C-alpha atoms as a PDB file:
ATOM      1  CA  UNK A   1     -14.302  -1.246 -20.052  1.00  0.00           C
ATOM      2  CA  UNK A   2     -16.730   0.567 -18.015  1.00  0.00           C
ATOM      3  CA  UNK A   3     -17.062  -0.184 -14.433  1.00  0.00           C
ATOM      4  CA  UNK A   4     -19.451   1.205 -11.599  1.00  0.00           C
ATOM      5  CA  UNK A   5     -17.787   2.137  -8.199  1.00  0.00           C
ATOM      6  CA  UNK A   6     -19.648   2.198  -4.794  1.00  0.00           C
ATOM      7  CA  UNK A   7     -19.691   5.346  -3.023  1.00  0.00           C
ATOM      8  CA  UNK A   8     -17.040   4.452  -0.783  1.00  0.00           C
ATOM      9  CA  UNK A   9     -14.638   3.191  -3.786  1.00  0.00           C
ATOM     10  CA  UNK A  10     -15.343   6.612  -5.462  1.00  0.00           C
ATOM     11  CA  UNK A  11     -14.296   8.389  -2.269  1.00  0.00           C
ATOM     12  CA  UNK A  12     -10.957   6.137  -2.105  1.00  0.00           C
ATOM     13  CA  UNK A  13     -10.276   7.290  -5.611  1.00  0.00           C
ATOM     14  CA  UNK A  14     -11.006  10.840  -5.305  1.00  0.00           C
ATOM     15  CA  UNK A  15      -8.923  11.151  -1.873  1.00  0.00           C
ATOM     16  CA  UNK A  16      -6.089   9.658  -3.736  1.00  0.00           C
ATOM     17  CA  UNK A  17      -6.586  12.254  -6.424  1.00  0.00           C
ATOM     18  CA  UNK A  18      -6.688  15.176  -4.020  1.00  0.00           C
ATOM     19  CA  UNK A  19      -3.493  13.636  -2.264  1.00  0.00           C
ATOM     20  CA  UNK A  20      -1.651  14.355  -5.400  1.00  0.00           C
ATOM     21  CA  UNK A  21      -0.263  10.992  -5.672  1.00  0.00           C
ATOM     22  CA  UNK A  22      -2.052  10.143  -8.742  1.00  0.00           C
ATOM     23  CA  UNK A  23      -3.037  12.259 -11.768  1.00  0.00           C
ATOM     24  CA  UNK A  24      -6.155  10.300 -12.993  1.00  0.00           C
ATOM     25  CA  UNK A  25      -8.628   7.739 -11.508  1.00  0.00           C
ATOM     26  CA  UNK A  26      -7.220   5.159 -13.878  1.00  0.00           C
ATOM     27  CA  UNK A  27      -3.749   5.736 -12.458  1.00  0.00           C
ATOM     28  CA  UNK A  28      -5.383   4.783  -9.173  1.00  0.00           C
ATOM     29  CA  UNK A  29      -7.120   1.807 -10.423  1.00  0.00           C
ATOM     30  CA  UNK A  30      -3.996   0.660 -12.423  1.00  0.00           C
ATOM     31  CA  UNK A  31      -1.901   0.985  -9.078  1.00  0.00           C
ATOM     32  CA  UNK A  32      -4.398  -0.669  -7.001  1.00  0.00           C
ATOM     33  CA  UNK A  33      -4.630  -3.941  -9.333  1.00  0.00           C
ATOM     34  CA  UNK A  34      -0.928  -4.210  -9.594  1.00  0.00           C
ATOM     35  CA  UNK A  35      -0.992  -4.364  -5.745  1.00  0.00           C
ATOM     36  CA  UNK A  36      -3.651  -6.854  -5.811  1.00  0.00           C
ATOM     37  CA  UNK A  37      -1.707  -9.067  -8.286  1.00  0.00           C
ATOM     38  CA  UNK A  38       1.288  -8.745  -6.087  1.00  0.00           C
ATOM     39  CA  UNK A  39      -0.350 -10.111  -2.747  1.00  0.00           C
ATOM     40  CA  UNK A  40      -2.194 -12.685  -4.949  1.00  0.00           C
ATOM     41  CA  UNK A  41       1.162 -13.768  -6.098  1.00  0.00           C
ATOM     42  CA  UNK A  42       2.997 -13.659  -2.743  1.00  0.00           C
ATOM     43  CA  UNK A  43       0.074 -15.580  -1.225  1.00  0.00           C
ATOM     44  CA  UNK A  44      -0.198 -18.318  -3.692  1.00  0.00           C
ATOM     45  CA  UNK A  45       3.645 -18.909  -3.182  1.00  0.00           C
ATOM     46  CA  UNK A  46       3.520 -18.779   0.421  1.00  0.00           C
ATOM     47  CA  UNK A  47       6.867 -17.209   0.463  1.00  0.00           C
ATOM     48  CA  UNK A  48       7.466 -16.015   3.777  1.00  0.00           C
ATOM     49  CA  UNK A  49       9.931 -13.327   2.401  1.00  0.00           C
ATOM     50  CA  UNK A  50       7.422 -11.978  -0.155  1.00  0.00           C
ATOM     51  CA  UNK A  51       5.074 -11.182   3.022  1.00  0.00           C
ATOM     52  CA  UNK A  52       8.079  -9.535   4.560  1.00  0.00           C
ATOM     53  CA  UNK A  53       8.943  -7.465   1.777  1.00  0.00           C
ATOM     54  CA  UNK A  54       5.351  -6.513   1.522  1.00  0.00           C
ATOM     55  CA  UNK A  55       5.328  -5.605   4.767  1.00  0.00           C
ATOM     56  CA  UNK A  56       8.334  -3.446   4.453  1.00  0.00           C
ATOM     57  CA  UNK A  57       7.096  -1.695   1.370  1.00  0.00           C
ATOM     58  CA  UNK A  58       3.737  -0.995   2.938  1.00  0.00           C
ATOM     59  CA  UNK A  59       5.769   0.693   6.153  1.00  0.00           C
ATOM     60  CA  UNK A  60       7.899   2.906   3.842  1.00  0.00           C
ATOM     61  CA  UNK A  61       5.092   4.030   2.020  1.00  0.00           C
ATOM     62  CA  UNK A  62       3.137   4.695   5.214  1.00  0.00           C
ATOM     63  CA  UNK A  63       6.279   6.766   6.186  1.00  0.00           C
ATOM     64  CA  UNK A  64       6.930   8.704   2.895  1.00  0.00           C
ATOM     65  CA  UNK A  65       2.889   9.703   2.637  1.00  0.00           C
ATOM     66  CA  UNK A  66       2.647  10.614   6.268  1.00  0.00           C
ATOM     67  CA  UNK A  67       5.926  12.457   6.459  1.00  0.00           C
ATOM     68  CA  UNK A  68       6.949  10.494   9.263  1.00  0.00           C
ATOM     69  CA  UNK A  69      10.239  10.960  11.121  1.00  0.00           C
ATOM     70  CA  UNK A  70      11.878   7.503  12.183  1.00  0.00           C
ATOM     71  CA  UNK A  71      13.865   9.389  14.497  1.00  0.00           C
ATOM     72  CA  UNK A  72      17.032   6.782  14.279  1.00  0.00           C
ATOM     73  CA  UNK A  73      14.467   3.511  14.701  1.00  0.00           C
ATOM     74  CA  UNK A  74      14.641   1.320  11.921  1.00  0.00           C
ATOM     75  CA  UNK A  75      11.915  -0.224   9.791  1.00  0.00           C
ATOM     76  CA  UNK A  76      13.025  -3.422  10.959  1.00  0.00           C
ATOM     77  CA  UNK A  77      12.734  -2.373  14.530  1.00  0.00           C
ATOM     78  CA  UNK A  78       9.311  -1.083  13.633  1.00  0.00           C
ATOM     79  CA  UNK A  79       8.086  -4.128  12.090  1.00  0.00           C
ATOM     80  CA  UNK A  80       9.693  -6.566  15.081  1.00  0.00           C
ATOM     81  CA  UNK A  81       7.747  -4.093  17.338  1.00  0.00           C
ATOM     82  CA  UNK A  82       4.541  -4.644  15.191  1.00  0.00           C
ATOM     83  CA  UNK A  83       4.866  -8.449  15.640  1.00  0.00           C
ATOM     84  CA  UNK A  84       4.766  -8.249  19.523  1.00  0.00           C
ATOM     85  CA  UNK A  85       1.573  -6.400  19.030  1.00  0.00           C
END
């Protein structure tokens, strides 16, 4: 299968490759499709735990990618604070 990416999509793929998180464009696309499927499944079931789990995964991914120190703050506290905004 061959696909055409918009310039913005191509920039995202290239940024991910430069970050070192992926070894190929195919890996970037594969991960994006997996995340899309997970989000669709959680929205179909309407399962609140699925949404919470997804939020926690996204938070942990952000912390890991940005090498953010939580300095004694739990992910649960961060999520609770995010709900207040």
